C-alpha atoms as a PDB file:
ATOM      1  CA  MET A   1      79.570   5.738   0.169  1.00  0.00           C
ATOM      2  CA  ARG A   2      78.725   6.851   3.820  1.00  0.00           C
ATOM      3  CA  ILE A   3      79.679  10.259   5.042  1.00  0.00           C
ATOM      4  CA  LEU A   4      83.588  10.166   6.326  1.00  0.00           C
ATOM      5  CA  THR A   5      84.199  11.450   9.837  1.00  0.00           C
ATOM      6  CA  ALA A   6      86.682  14.046  10.780  1.00  0.00           C
ATOM      7  CA  ASN A   7      89.393  11.649  11.664  1.00  0.00           C
ATOM      8  CA  GLU A   8      88.912   9.482   8.646  1.00  0.00           C
ATOM      9  CA  ALA A   9      89.281  12.123   6.603  1.00  0.00           C
ATOM     10  CA  ARG A  10      92.746  12.896   8.454  1.00  0.00           C
ATOM     11  CA  VAL A  11      93.961   9.663   8.085  1.00  0.00           C
ATOM     12  CA  LEU A  12      92.914   9.438   4.101  1.00  0.00           C
ATOM     13  CA  GLY A  13      94.588  12.542   3.511  1.00  0.00           C
ATOM     14  CA  THR A  14      97.534  11.931   5.145  1.00  0.00           C
ATOM     15  CA  LEU A  15      97.812   8.567   3.302  1.00  0.00           C
ATOM     16  CA  MET A  16      97.380  10.159  -0.029  1.00  0.00           C
ATOM     17  CA  GLU A  17     100.137  12.960   0.773  1.00  0.00           C
ATOM     18  CA  LYS A  18     102.632  10.499   1.698  1.00  0.00           C
ATOM     19  CA  ALA A  19     102.062   8.499  -0.967  1.00  0.00           C
ATOM     20  CA  ARG A  20     103.434  11.494  -3.260  1.00  0.00           C
ATOM     21  CA  THR A  21     105.670  13.218  -1.318  1.00  0.00           C
ATOM     22  CA  VAL A  22     107.747  10.531   0.344  1.00  0.00           C
ATOM     23  CA  PRO A  23     107.156   7.125  -1.592  1.00  0.00           C
ATOM     24  CA  ASP A  24     110.206   5.464  -0.255  1.00  0.00           C
ATOM     25  CA  SER A  25     108.402   5.739   3.088  1.00  0.00           C
ATOM     26  CA  TYR A  26     104.890   4.532   2.048  1.00  0.00           C
ATOM     27  CA  PRO A  27     102.760   2.510   2.915  1.00  0.00           C
ATOM     28  CA  LEU A  28     102.979   3.918   6.036  1.00  0.00           C
ATOM     29  CA  SER A  29     103.441   2.088   9.809  1.00  0.00           C
ATOM     30  CA  LEU A  30     101.001   3.237  12.088  1.00  0.00           C
ATOM     31  CA  ASN A  31     103.571   5.673  14.142  1.00  0.00           C
ATOM     32  CA  ALA A  32     104.065   6.924  10.567  1.00  0.00           C
ATOM     33  CA  LEU A  33     100.574   7.606   9.737  1.00  0.00           C
ATOM     34  CA  LEU A  34      99.539   9.501  13.349  1.00  0.00           C
ATOM     35  CA  LEU A  35     102.715  11.591  13.252  1.00  0.00           C
ATOM     36  CA  GLY A  36     101.443  12.218   9.832  1.00  0.00           C
ATOM     37  CA  CYS A  37      98.131  13.396  10.905  1.00  0.00           C
ATOM     38  CA  ASN A  38      99.296  15.090  13.863  1.00  0.00           C
ATOM     39  CA  GLN A  39     101.391  17.703  11.843  1.00  0.00           C
ATOM     40  CA  LYS A  40     101.206  21.503  12.908  1.00  0.00           C
ATOM     41  CA  THR A  41     102.480  22.257   9.480  1.00  0.00           C
ATOM     42  CA  SER A  42     100.063  22.075   6.162  1.00  0.00           C
ATOM     43  CA  ARG A  43      96.927  21.251   8.278  1.00  0.00           C
ATOM     44  CA  ASP A  44      93.932  23.006   8.915  1.00  0.00           C
ATOM     45  CA  PRO A  45      92.544  22.079  11.595  1.00  0.00           C
ATOM     46  CA  VAL A  46      95.651  20.925  13.819  1.00  0.00           C
ATOM     47  CA  MET A  47      94.700  17.472  15.336  1.00  0.00           C
ATOM     48  CA  GLU A  48      96.039  15.502  18.179  1.00  0.00           C
ATOM     49  CA  LEU A  49      94.924  11.920  17.190  1.00  0.00           C
ATOM     50  CA  SER A  50      95.650   9.053  19.489  1.00  0.00           C
ATOM     51  CA  GLU A  51      96.690   5.771  18.567  1.00  0.00           C
ATOM     52  CA  PRO A  52      93.250   4.116  19.411  1.00  0.00           C
ATOM     53  CA  GLU A  53      91.721   7.097  17.527  1.00  0.00           C
ATOM     54  CA  ALA A  54      93.751   6.563  14.178  1.00  0.00           C
ATOM     55  CA  GLN A  55      93.398   2.484  14.553  1.00  0.00           C
ATOM     56  CA  GLN A  56      89.425   3.272  14.866  1.00  0.00           C
ATOM     57  CA  ALA A  57      89.359   5.503  11.568  1.00  0.00           C
ATOM     58  CA  ILE A  58      91.987   3.407   9.735  1.00  0.00           C
ATOM     59  CA  ASP A  59      89.478   0.155  10.594  1.00  0.00           C
ATOM     60  CA  ALA A  60      86.305   1.916   9.333  1.00  0.00           C
ATOM     61  CA  LEU A  61      88.300   3.052   6.102  1.00  0.00           C
ATOM     62  CA  LYS A  62      89.433  -0.766   5.642  1.00  0.00           C
ATOM     63  CA  ALA A  63      85.670  -1.748   5.791  1.00  0.00           C
ATOM     64  CA  GLN A  64      84.617   0.694   2.985  1.00  0.00           C
ATOM     65  CA  SER A  65      87.878  -0.796   0.963  1.00  0.00           C
ATOM     66  CA  LEU A  66      89.298   3.129   1.151  1.00  0.00           C
ATOM     67  CA  VAL A  67      92.380   1.718   2.910  1.00  0.00           C
ATOM     68  CA  PHE A  68      94.429  -1.638   2.917  1.00  0.00           C
ATOM     69  CA  GLU A  69      96.609  -3.378   4.792  1.00  0.00           C
ATOM     70  CA  ALA A  70     100.231  -4.012   2.554  1.00  0.00           C
ATOM     71  CA  SER A  71     100.459  -7.711   3.407  1.00  0.00           C
ATOM     72  CA  SER A  72     104.298  -7.894   2.416  1.00  0.00           C
ATOM     73  CA  SER A  73     105.831  -6.215   5.636  1.00  0.00           C
ATOM     74  CA  ARG A  74     105.891  -7.563   9.131  1.00  0.00           C
ATOM     75  CA  VAL A  75     104.738  -4.013  10.701  1.00  0.00           C
ATOM     76  CA  PRO A  76     101.757  -3.257   9.669  1.00  0.00           C
ATOM     77  CA  ARG A  77     101.220  -0.725   6.951  1.00  0.00           C
ATOM     78  CA  PHE A  78      98.723   0.985   5.350  1.00  0.00           C
ATOM     79  CA  GLU A  79      98.059   2.525   1.718  1.00  0.00           C
ATOM     80  CA  HIS A  80      94.847   4.528   0.564  1.00  0.00           C
ATOM     81  CA  ASN A  81      92.627   3.406  -2.036  1.00  0.00           C
ATOM     82  CA  PHE A  82      91.337   6.758  -2.654  1.00  0.00           C
ATOM     83  CA  GLN A  83      91.001   7.023  -6.416  1.00  0.00           C
ATOM     84  CA  ARG A  84      89.079   3.955  -6.918  1.00  0.00           C
ATOM     85  CA  GLY A  85      86.781   4.206  -3.731  1.00  0.00           C
ATOM     86  CA  PHE A  86      85.537   7.545  -5.327  1.00  0.00           C
ATOM     87  CA  ALA A  87      85.885   6.860  -8.658  1.00  0.00           C
ATOM     88  CA  VAL A  88      88.005  10.061  -9.158  1.00  0.00           C
ATOM     89  CA  ASN A  89      91.515  10.895 -11.555  1.00  0.00           C
ATOM     90  CA  GLU A  90      94.336  11.936 -10.481  1.00  0.00           C
ATOM     91  CA  PRO A  91      93.855  15.681 -10.584  1.00  0.00           C
ATOM     92  CA  GLN A  92      90.352  15.858  -8.190  1.00  0.00           C
ATOM     93  CA  ALA A  93      91.970  12.993  -6.151  1.00  0.00           C
ATOM     94  CA  VAL A  94      94.745  15.796  -5.317  1.00  0.00           C
ATOM     95  CA  LEU A  95      92.469  18.598  -4.760  1.00  0.00           C
ATOM     96  CA  LEU A  96      89.832  16.750  -2.426  1.00  0.00           C
ATOM     97  CA  GLY A  97      93.467  15.523  -0.458  1.00  0.00           C
ATOM     98  CA  LEU A  98      94.536  18.937  -0.221  1.00  0.00           C
ATOM     99  CA  LEU A  99      91.119  20.489   0.746  1.00  0.00           C
ATOM    100  CA  MET A 100      90.765  17.324   3.523  1.00  0.00           C
ATOM    101  CA  LEU A 101      94.200  18.033   5.131  1.00  0.00           C
ATOM    102  CA  ARG A 102      94.189  22.430   4.719  1.00  0.00           C
ATOM    103  CA  GLY A 103      90.822  23.254   4.919  1.00  0.00           C
ATOM    104  CA  PRO A 104      89.350  25.267   2.381  1.00  0.00           C
ATOM    105  CA  GLN A 105      91.306  27.167   0.078  1.00  0.00           C
ATOM    106  CA  THR A 106      91.221  29.478  -3.197  1.00  0.00           C
ATOM    107  CA  PRO A 107      92.046  27.993  -6.713  1.00  0.00           C
ATOM    108  CA  GLY A 108      95.227  29.678  -6.177  1.00  0.00           C
ATOM    109  CA  GLU A 109      96.199  28.531  -2.973  1.00  0.00           C
ATOM    110  CA  LEU A 110      95.337  25.201  -4.164  1.00  0.00           C
ATOM    111  CA  ARG A 111      97.731  25.595  -7.273  1.00  0.00           C
ATOM    112  CA  ILE A 112     100.456  26.340  -4.681  1.00  0.00           C
ATOM    113  CA  SER A 113      99.460  23.627  -2.410  1.00  0.00           C
ATOM    114  CA  SER A 114      99.885  21.250  -4.842  1.00  0.00           C
ATOM    115  CA  GLU A 115     103.148  21.725  -6.480  1.00  0.00           C
ATOM    116  CA  ARG A 116     104.304  18.391  -4.514  1.00  0.00           C
ATOM    117  CA  TRP A 117     101.685  16.703  -5.401  1.00  0.00           C
ATOM    118  CA  TYR A 118     100.902  17.112  -9.094  1.00  0.00           C
ATOM    119  CA  LYS A 119     101.561  19.804 -11.126  1.00  0.00           C
ATOM    120  CA  PHE A 120      98.389  21.744 -13.138  1.00  0.00           C
ATOM    121  CA  ALA A 121      99.098  23.859 -15.461  1.00  0.00           C
ATOM    122  CA  ASP A 122      97.702  27.256 -14.263  1.00  0.00           C
ATOM    123  CA  ILE A 123      95.029  28.175 -12.111  1.00  0.00           C
ATOM    124  CA  ALA A 124      91.932  27.626 -14.419  1.00  0.00           C
ATOM    125  CA  SER A 125      92.474  23.931 -14.947  1.00  0.00           C
ATOM    126  CA  VAL A 126      92.467  23.753 -11.094  1.00  0.00           C
ATOM    127  CA  GLU A 127      89.177  25.616 -11.562  1.00  0.00           C
ATOM    128  CA  GLY A 128      87.993  23.572 -14.174  1.00  0.00           C
ATOM    129  CA  THR A 129      88.831  20.536 -12.046  1.00  0.00           C
ATOM    130  CA  LEU A 130      86.657  22.080  -9.206  1.00  0.00           C
ATOM    131  CA  ALA A 131      83.957  22.084 -11.816  1.00  0.00           C
ATOM    132  CA  GLU A 132      84.224  18.755 -12.560  1.00  0.00           C
ATOM    133  CA  LEU A 133      83.966  17.897  -8.840  1.00  0.00           C
ATOM    134  CA  LYS A 134      80.749  20.423  -8.248  1.00  0.00           C
ATOM    135  CA  ALA A 135      79.313  19.049 -11.306  1.00  0.00           C
ATOM    136  CA  ARG A 136      78.702  15.287  -9.878  1.00  0.00           C
ATOM    137  CA  GLY A 137      75.878  16.458  -7.985  1.00  0.00           C
ATOM    138  CA  GLU A 138      74.030  18.186 -11.333  1.00  0.00           C
ATOM    139  CA  ASP A 139      74.253  14.930 -12.868  1.00  0.00           C
ATOM    140  CA  GLY A 140      72.076  12.733 -10.300  1.00  0.00           C
ATOM    141  CA  GLY A 141      75.747  12.132  -8.089  1.00  0.00           C
ATOM    142  CA  VAL A 142      77.223  13.481  -5.369  1.00  0.00           C
ATOM    143  CA  ALA A 143      78.736  16.919  -5.595  1.00  0.00           C
ATOM    144  CA  MET A 144      82.207  16.439  -3.711  1.00  0.00           C
ATOM    145  CA  VAL A 145      83.018  20.231  -3.666  1.00  0.00           C
ATOM    146  CA  LEU A 146      81.244  23.241  -2.535  1.00  0.00           C
ATOM    147  CA  GLN A 147      82.164  27.260  -3.220  1.00  0.00           C
ATOM    148  CA  LEU A 148      81.590  28.758  -0.216  1.00  0.00           C
ATOM    149  CA  PRO A 149      80.605  32.586   0.123  1.00  0.00           C
ATOM    150  CA  ARG A 150      83.229  35.086  -1.179  1.00  0.00           C
ATOM    151  CA  ALA A 151      84.281  36.650   2.070  1.00  0.00           C
ATOM    152  CA  THR A 152      84.425  40.566   2.392  1.00  0.00           C
ATOM    153  CA  GLY A 153      87.680  41.633   1.327  1.00  0.00           C
ATOM    154  CA  MET A 154      88.431  38.674  -0.594  1.00  0.00           C
ATOM    155  CA  ARG A 155      88.711  38.444  -4.282  1.00  0.00           C
ATOM    156  CA  GLU A 156      88.888  34.887  -5.148  1.00  0.00           C
ATOM    157  CA  GLN A 157      86.012  32.456  -3.178  1.00  0.00           C
ATOM    158  CA  ARG A 158      87.470  29.498  -1.563  1.00  0.00           C
ATOM    159  CA  TRP A 159      86.740  25.839  -2.005  1.00  0.00           C
ATOM    160  CA  ALA A 160      85.743  22.999   0.873  1.00  0.00           C
ATOM    161  CA  HIS A 161      85.130  19.112   0.137  1.00  0.00           C
ATOM    162  CA  LEU A 162      82.096  18.129   0.917  1.00  0.00           C
ATOM    163  CA  LEU A 163      83.227  14.283   1.725  1.00  0.00           C
ATOM    164  CA  CYS A 164      82.588  14.948   5.679  1.00  0.00           C
ATOM    165  CA  GLY A 165      79.212  16.507   4.983  1.00  0.00           C
ATOM    166  CA  GLU A 166      78.044  20.191   5.265  1.00  0.00           C
ATOM    167  CA  GLY A 167      78.079  20.843   9.076  1.00  0.00           C
ATOM    168  CA  LEU A 168      81.757  20.519   9.274  1.00  0.00           C
ATOM    169  CA  LEU A 169      81.765  23.711   6.908  1.00  0.00           C
ATOM    170  CA  MET A 170      79.386  26.018   8.852  1.00  0.00           C
ATOM    171  CA  PRO A 171      82.116  27.318  11.028  1.00  0.00           C
ATOM    172  CA  PHE A 172      84.643  28.329   8.134  1.00  0.00           C
ATOM    173  CA  ALA A 173      81.532  30.174   6.304  1.00  0.00           C
ATOM    174  CA  HIS A 174      80.649  32.160   9.142  1.00  0.00           C
ATOM    175  CA  ALA A 175      84.314  32.526  10.129  1.00  0.00           C
ATOM    176  CA  SER A 176      85.426  33.554   6.531  1.00  0.00           C
ATOM    177  CA  THR A 177      82.935  36.208   6.431  1.00  0.00           C
ATOM    178  CA  ALA A 178      83.309  37.583  10.113  1.00  0.00           C
ATOM    179  CA  GLN A 179      87.314  37.701   9.333  1.00  0.00           C
ATOM    180  CA  GLY A 180      86.715  39.401   5.904  1.00  0.00           C
ATOM    181  CA  ALA A 181      84.394  42.005   7.904  1.00  0.00           C
ATOM    182  CA  ILE A 182      86.893  42.360  10.960  1.00  0.00           C
ATOM    183  CA  ASP A 183      90.008  42.736   8.216  1.00  0.00           C
ATOM    184  CA  LEU A 184      88.371  45.289   6.519  1.00  0.00           C
ATOM    185  CA  GLU A 185      87.560  47.662   9.098  1.00  0.00           C
ATOM    186  CA  ALA A 186      90.595  47.377  11.115  1.00  0.00           C
ATOM    187  CA  GLU A 187      92.567  48.294   7.523  1.00  0.00           C
ATOM    188  CA  PRO A 188      95.417  50.852   9.115  1.00  0.00           C
ATOM    189  CA  VAL A 189      95.013  54.550   7.001  1.00  0.00           C
ATOM    190  CA  SER A 190      98.561  55.386   6.032  1.00  0.00           C
ATOM    191  CA  LEU A 191      99.948  59.144   7.081  1.00  0.00           C
ATOM    192  CA  GLY A 192      99.384  59.939   3.388  1.00  0.00           C
ATOM    193  CA  GLN A 193      95.832  58.516   2.586  1.00  0.00           C
ATOM    194  CA  ALA A 194      94.959  60.766   6.246  1.00  0.00           C
ATOM    195  CA  GLU A 195      96.954  64.005   4.601  1.00  0.00           C
ATOM    196  CA  ARG A 196      94.535  63.762   1.333  1.00  0.00           C
ATOM    197  CA  LEU A 197      91.516  62.973   3.468  1.00  0.00           C
ATOM    198  CA  GLU A 198      92.264  65.946   5.522  1.00  0.00           C
ATOM    199  CA  GLN A 199      92.816  68.526   2.463  1.00  0.00           C
ATOM    200  CA  ARG A 200      89.859  67.182   0.940  1.00  0.00           C
ATOM    201  CA  ILE A 201      87.698  67.678   4.150  1.00  0.00           C
ATOM    202  CA  ALA A 202      89.096  71.459   4.017  1.00  0.00           C
ATOM    203  CA  LEU A 203      88.097  71.993   0.627  1.00  0.00           C
ATOM    204  CA  LEU A 204      84.394  70.739   1.071  1.00  0.00           C
ATOM    205  CA  GLU A 205      84.305  73.151   4.131  1.00  0.00           C
ATOM    206  CA  SER A 206      85.608  75.958   2.008  1.00  0.00           C
ATOM    207  CA  GLN A 207      82.943  75.181  -0.610  1.00  0.00           C
ATOM    208  CA  VAL A 208      80.133  75.005   1.543  1.00  0.00           C
ATOM    209  CA  SER A 209      81.105  78.256   3.379  1.00  0.00           C
ATOM    210  CA  GLN A 210      81.272  80.115  -0.065  1.00  0.00           C
ATOM    211  CA  LEU A 211      77.399  78.916  -1.104  1.00  0.00           C
ATOM    212  CA  GLN A 212      76.173  79.578   2.420  1.00  0.00           C
ATOM    213  CA  GLY A 213      77.735  82.786   1.484  1.00  0.00           C
ATOM    214  CA  GLN A 214      76.338  83.446  -1.697  1.00  0.00           C
ATOM    215  CA  LEU A 215      72.955  82.056  -0.669  1.00  0.00           C
ATOM    216  CA  ALA A 216      72.764  84.788   2.183  1.00  0.00           C
ATOM    217  CA  HIS A 217      73.507  87.263  -0.704  1.00  0.00           C
ATOM    218  CA  VAL A 218      70.395  86.242  -2.639  1.00  0.00           C
ATOM    219  CA  TYR A 219      68.625  86.344   0.062  1.00  0.00           C
ATOM    220  CA  LYS A 220      69.176  89.751   0.655  1.00  0.00           C
ATOM    221  CA  GLU A 221      68.974  90.796  -2.873  1.00  0.00           C
ATOM    222  CA  LEU A 222      65.504  89.329  -2.903  1.00  0.00           C
ATOM    223  CA  GLY A 223      64.554  90.576   0.864  1.00  0.00           C
ATOM    224  CA  LEU A 224      63.652  87.254   2.123  1.00  0.00           C
ATOM    225  CA  SER A 225      64.440  85.542   5.130  1.00  0.00           C
ATOM    226  CA  GLN A 226      66.528  82.292   5.748  1.00  0.00           C
ATOM    227  CA  ALA A 227      64.421  81.427   8.494  1.00  0.00           C
END
């Protein structure tokens, strides 16, 4: 299976989403698919695919048997064949679809995002499914997900899909680390925290002054110079 382009991943992810969230409108016409690909919400990054670009992505996915054209409609409609094409189960397909549409996410974010797609029992079940997808690369196959380095100030690590290769992940990895550092440095100090810091500094200064006085007394008693 060759690496997908960003446009192909967006088309495939959109078909996977609409099949689960609006089954009455599925399979999708080209116009409906284009609207789904270019949504402003639940998409990262937001894209502006043209009709020719979407059709080109569809044709490429059809050539890989990842998309089929429904034969029972006068208007061409399209449906995905993701699970068979990539040999994944439902939970695995759901996480990959979400990562294709919404970009890198933590297990907690994925569980919330998946509510309309699939009901994960808890975050542990999401983490277990991600581990299964990652383990494919350890068994001589190809890993489908990657755990990104933890960004500064973040508790959880984010996961990303590898269906488009690792090249598209570099901006996310650098941005997460840089943004975490920026957020940490820019975190405002409350008035209460500032007052406590001032009190602590004043106490330390007082203690230092007392120690200096005691040290000067010791030097004087011993007849020594502090120079």
